[in-house]
Amino acid sequence: KDTAGGFTCFVSSGKITDFATLEGLPGVAMVSGDAAQTAVMVRTVRNEANRRYEEAAAAKRSGSTAAFDYPPILLLLDEWGATSLAIEGMFKNPKSFMDDIDWILRVGREARVHVILLSQTIRKTGTGAIPGSWQANLGLSVSLGKPESETFNNPALFTDAQALASNLAAMKIHL
């Protein structure tokens, strides 16, 4: 009955076809395949996290021990490079969109809001960049394939790239 494992999922992709079949499934609040919908989605998730913080503060003041007893939210941002290009093309100044994601990554976890960011390449600069502050707040980095050197040599993502490389080379993973 619950396709999301208890999470309320907000799913975005730079390609409209990637997650279209998830729309309307239990646990899936929104599926976006374009920049405008993604901007609304991210703002919706941030507003919900803010609401949770306000309620939790009131609950703590009243002595409640279950201040953050909320069902978890998952914000999945796939094909970040394509999404970033679309956002930059649609909005003259995408700063508020980027700030919303930054805020969610920094403080969303206590309000049980979690982010998965997927990208072919993790860059700090240039087209489709993922700011360093975001990278510092992404708790786990996984590469399903050989990462480009810019991604692989990024200490915010891989603290011991040589050990990782030898481990990946020793493993044979079949999907």
Protein backbone atom coordinates (compact mmCIF):
# COMPACT_ATOMS: atom_id res chain seq x y z
CA LYS A 1 0.00 0.00 0.00
CA ASP A 2 2.91 2.38 0.61
CA THR A 3 5.34 2.64 -2.28
CA ALA A 4 7.50 5.13 -0.38
CA GLY A 5 8.38 3.15 2.76
CA GLY A 6 6.69 5.67 5.05
CA PHE A 7 8.19 8.72 3.36
CA THR A 8 6.23 11.40 1.58
CA CYS A 9 8.19 11.78 -1.65
CA PHE A 10 8.68 14.82 -3.83
CA VAL A 11 10.46 13.71 -7.01
CA SER A 12 12.04 15.88 -9.68
CA SER A 13 14.06 15.08 -12.76
CA GLY A 14 15.61 17.07 -15.56
CA LYS A 15 13.93 14.60 -17.89
CA ILE A 16 10.13 14.55 -17.78
CA THR A 17 9.91 10.83 -18.57
CA ASP A 18 12.08 9.49 -15.75
CA PHE A 19 9.51 9.33 -12.95
CA ALA A 20 6.21 9.94 -14.74
CA THR A 21 4.88 6.51 -13.69
CA LEU A 22 5.25 7.42 -9.99
CA GLU A 23 2.64 10.16 -10.20
CA GLY A 24 -0.39 9.37 -8.08
CA LEU A 25 1.16 6.44 -6.24
CA PRO A 26 0.75 6.23 -2.45
CA GLY A 27 3.47 8.18 -0.67
CA VAL A 28 4.32 10.28 -3.73
CA ALA A 29 3.16 13.86 -3.18
CA MET A 30 4.51 15.38 -6.38
CA VAL A 31 6.43 14.41 -9.49
CA SER A 32 8.04 17.18 -11.52
CA GLY A 33 9.65 17.12 -14.92
CA ASP A 34 10.05 20.85 -15.55
CA ALA A 35 11.78 23.80 -13.92
CA ALA A 36 8.65 25.66 -12.81
CA GLN A 37 7.18 22.59 -11.08
CA THR A 38 10.53 21.84 -9.47
CA ALA A 39 10.77 25.38 -8.08
CA VAL A 40 7.27 25.04 -6.61
CA MET A 41 8.15 21.61 -5.22
CA VAL A 42 11.31 22.79 -3.49
CA ARG A 43 9.50 25.81 -2.00
CA THR A 44 6.67 23.52 -0.81
CA VAL A 45 9.14 21.25 0.96
CA ARG A 46 10.92 24.19 2.56
CA ASN A 47 7.62 25.69 3.73
CA GLU A 48 6.64 22.35 5.28
CA ALA A 49 9.98 22.12 7.08
CA ASN A 50 9.50 25.69 8.38
CA ARG A 51 6.00 24.78 9.58
CA ARG A 52 7.40 21.77 11.40
CA TYR A 53 10.04 23.91 13.12
CA GLU A 54 7.41 26.39 14.29
CA GLU A 55 5.20 23.59 15.65
CA ALA A 56 8.17 21.85 17.25
CA ALA A 57 9.25 25.04 19.00
CA ALA A 58 5.74 25.47 20.42
CA ALA A 59 5.66 21.79 21.44
CA LYS A 60 9.03 22.10 23.20
CA ARG A 61 7.87 25.22 25.06
CA SER A 62 4.86 23.27 26.31
CA GLY A 63 7.08 20.40 27.49
CA SER A 64 6.33 17.87 24.76
CA THR A 65 8.98 15.20 24.19
CA ALA A 66 7.68 14.42 20.68
CA ALA A 67 8.44 17.79 19.11
CA PHE A 68 9.62 16.37 15.78
CA ASP A 69 7.32 13.38 15.56
CA TYR A 70 6.52 13.81 11.86
CA PRO A 71 6.46 11.37 8.96
CA PRO A 72 9.66 11.74 6.93
CA ILE A 73 9.84 13.65 3.65
CA LEU A 74 12.16 12.79 0.79
CA LEU A 75 13.08 15.44 -1.77
CA LEU A 76 14.68 13.63 -4.70
CA LEU A 77 16.38 15.85 -7.27
CA ASP A 78 17.53 13.73 -10.21
CA GLU A 79 19.50 14.83 -13.27
CA TRP A 80 20.74 17.88 -11.39
CA GLY A 81 22.75 19.22 -14.33
CA ALA A 82 19.69 19.34 -16.59
CA THR A 83 17.50 20.70 -13.79
CA SER A 84 20.01 23.43 -13.00
CA LEU A 85 20.20 24.48 -16.65
CA ALA A 86 16.41 24.60 -16.89
CA ILE A 87 16.10 26.67 -13.69
CA GLU A 88 18.78 29.12 -14.89
CA GLY A 89 17.01 29.38 -18.26
CA MET A 90 13.60 30.01 -16.72
CA PHE A 91 14.47 32.47 -13.94
CA LYS A 92 16.57 35.62 -14.25
CA ASN A 93 17.84 35.07 -10.73
CA PRO A 94 17.49 31.51 -9.38
CA LYS A 95 19.07 32.49 -6.03
CA SER A 96 15.93 31.91 -3.94
CA PHE A 97 15.53 28.43 -5.45
CA MET A 98 19.16 27.60 -4.70
CA ASP A 99 18.84 29.09 -1.20
CA ASP A 100 15.80 26.90 -0.51
CA ILE A 101 17.78 23.76 -1.33
CA ASP A 102 20.76 25.00 0.68
CA TRP A 103 18.53 25.63 3.72
CA ILE A 104 16.87 22.21 3.44
CA LEU A 105 20.28 20.50 3.21
CA ARG A 106 21.61 22.41 6.24
CA VAL A 107 18.70 22.10 8.67
CA GLY A 108 16.00 19.92 7.18
CA ARG A 109 17.04 16.64 8.78
CA GLU A 110 15.82 17.55 12.28
CA ALA A 111 12.40 18.27 10.76
CA ARG A 112 12.68 14.83 9.07
CA VAL A 113 13.20 16.29 5.60
CA HIS A 114 15.85 14.47 3.59
CA VAL A 115 17.39 15.15 0.19
CA ILE A 116 18.79 12.86 -2.47
CA LEU A 117 20.67 14.72 -5.20
CA LEU A 118 21.64 12.76 -8.30
CA SER A 119 24.01 13.95 -10.98
CA GLN A 120 26.34 12.51 -13.58
CA THR A 121 29.14 14.80 -12.38
CA ILE A 122 29.55 16.73 -9.15
CA ARG A 123 31.05 20.12 -9.98
CA LYS A 124 31.64 23.09 -7.67
CA THR A 125 31.76 25.56 -10.58
CA GLY A 126 30.37 25.92 -14.06
CA THR A 127 27.19 24.59 -15.62
CA GLY A 128 25.18 22.36 -13.33
CA ALA A 129 27.43 23.12 -10.36
CA ILE A 130 26.63 21.84 -6.90
CA PRO A 131 27.82 24.46 -4.39
CA GLY A 132 30.43 23.38 -1.87
CA SER A 133 28.07 24.15 1.02
CA TRP A 134 25.63 21.62 -0.42
CA GLN A 135 28.34 19.04 -0.85
CA ALA A 136 29.37 19.46 2.78
CA ASN A 137 25.79 18.70 3.84
CA LEU A 138 25.29 15.63 1.68
CA GLY A 139 25.99 12.86 4.17
CA LEU A 140 26.75 10.09 1.70
CA SER A 141 28.28 10.05 -1.77
CA VAL A 142 27.82 7.03 -3.99
CA SER A 143 29.20 6.61 -7.47
CA LEU A 144 27.60 3.98 -9.69
CA GLY A 145 30.32 3.99 -12.29
CA LYS A 146 33.68 5.62 -12.73
CA PRO A 147 33.39 9.26 -11.67
CA GLU A 148 35.03 12.01 -13.70
CA SER A 149 38.29 13.28 -12.21
CA GLU A 150 36.66 16.52 -10.99
CA THR A 151 34.15 14.49 -9.00
CA PHE A 152 36.58 11.81 -7.89
CA ASN A 153 39.18 14.27 -6.59
CA ASN A 154 36.65 16.32 -4.63
CA PRO A 155 37.52 15.99 -0.92
CA ALA A 156 34.00 17.09 0.11
CA LEU A 157 32.70 13.92 -1.54
CA PHE A 158 35.49 11.39 -1.23
CA THR A 159 37.86 11.82 1.70
CA ASP A 160 40.11 8.92 0.71
CA ALA A 161 39.81 8.69 -3.05
CA GLN A 162 42.71 6.25 -3.47
CA ALA A 163 41.22 3.71 -1.05
CA LEU A 164 37.86 4.10 -2.72
CA ALA A 165 39.39 3.55 -6.15
CA SER A 166 41.09 0.35 -5.06
CA ASN A 167 37.90 -0.89 -3.42
CA LEU A 168 35.82 -0.10 -6.51
CA ALA A 169 38.36 -1.76 -8.77
CA ALA A 170 38.20 -4.92 -6.64
CA MET A 171 34.40 -5.06 -6.73
CA LYS A 172 32.32 -6.31 -9.63
CA ILE A 173 28.82 -4.93 -9.37
CA HIS A 174 26.12 -6.07 -11.75
CA LEU A 175 22.90 -4.11 -11.82
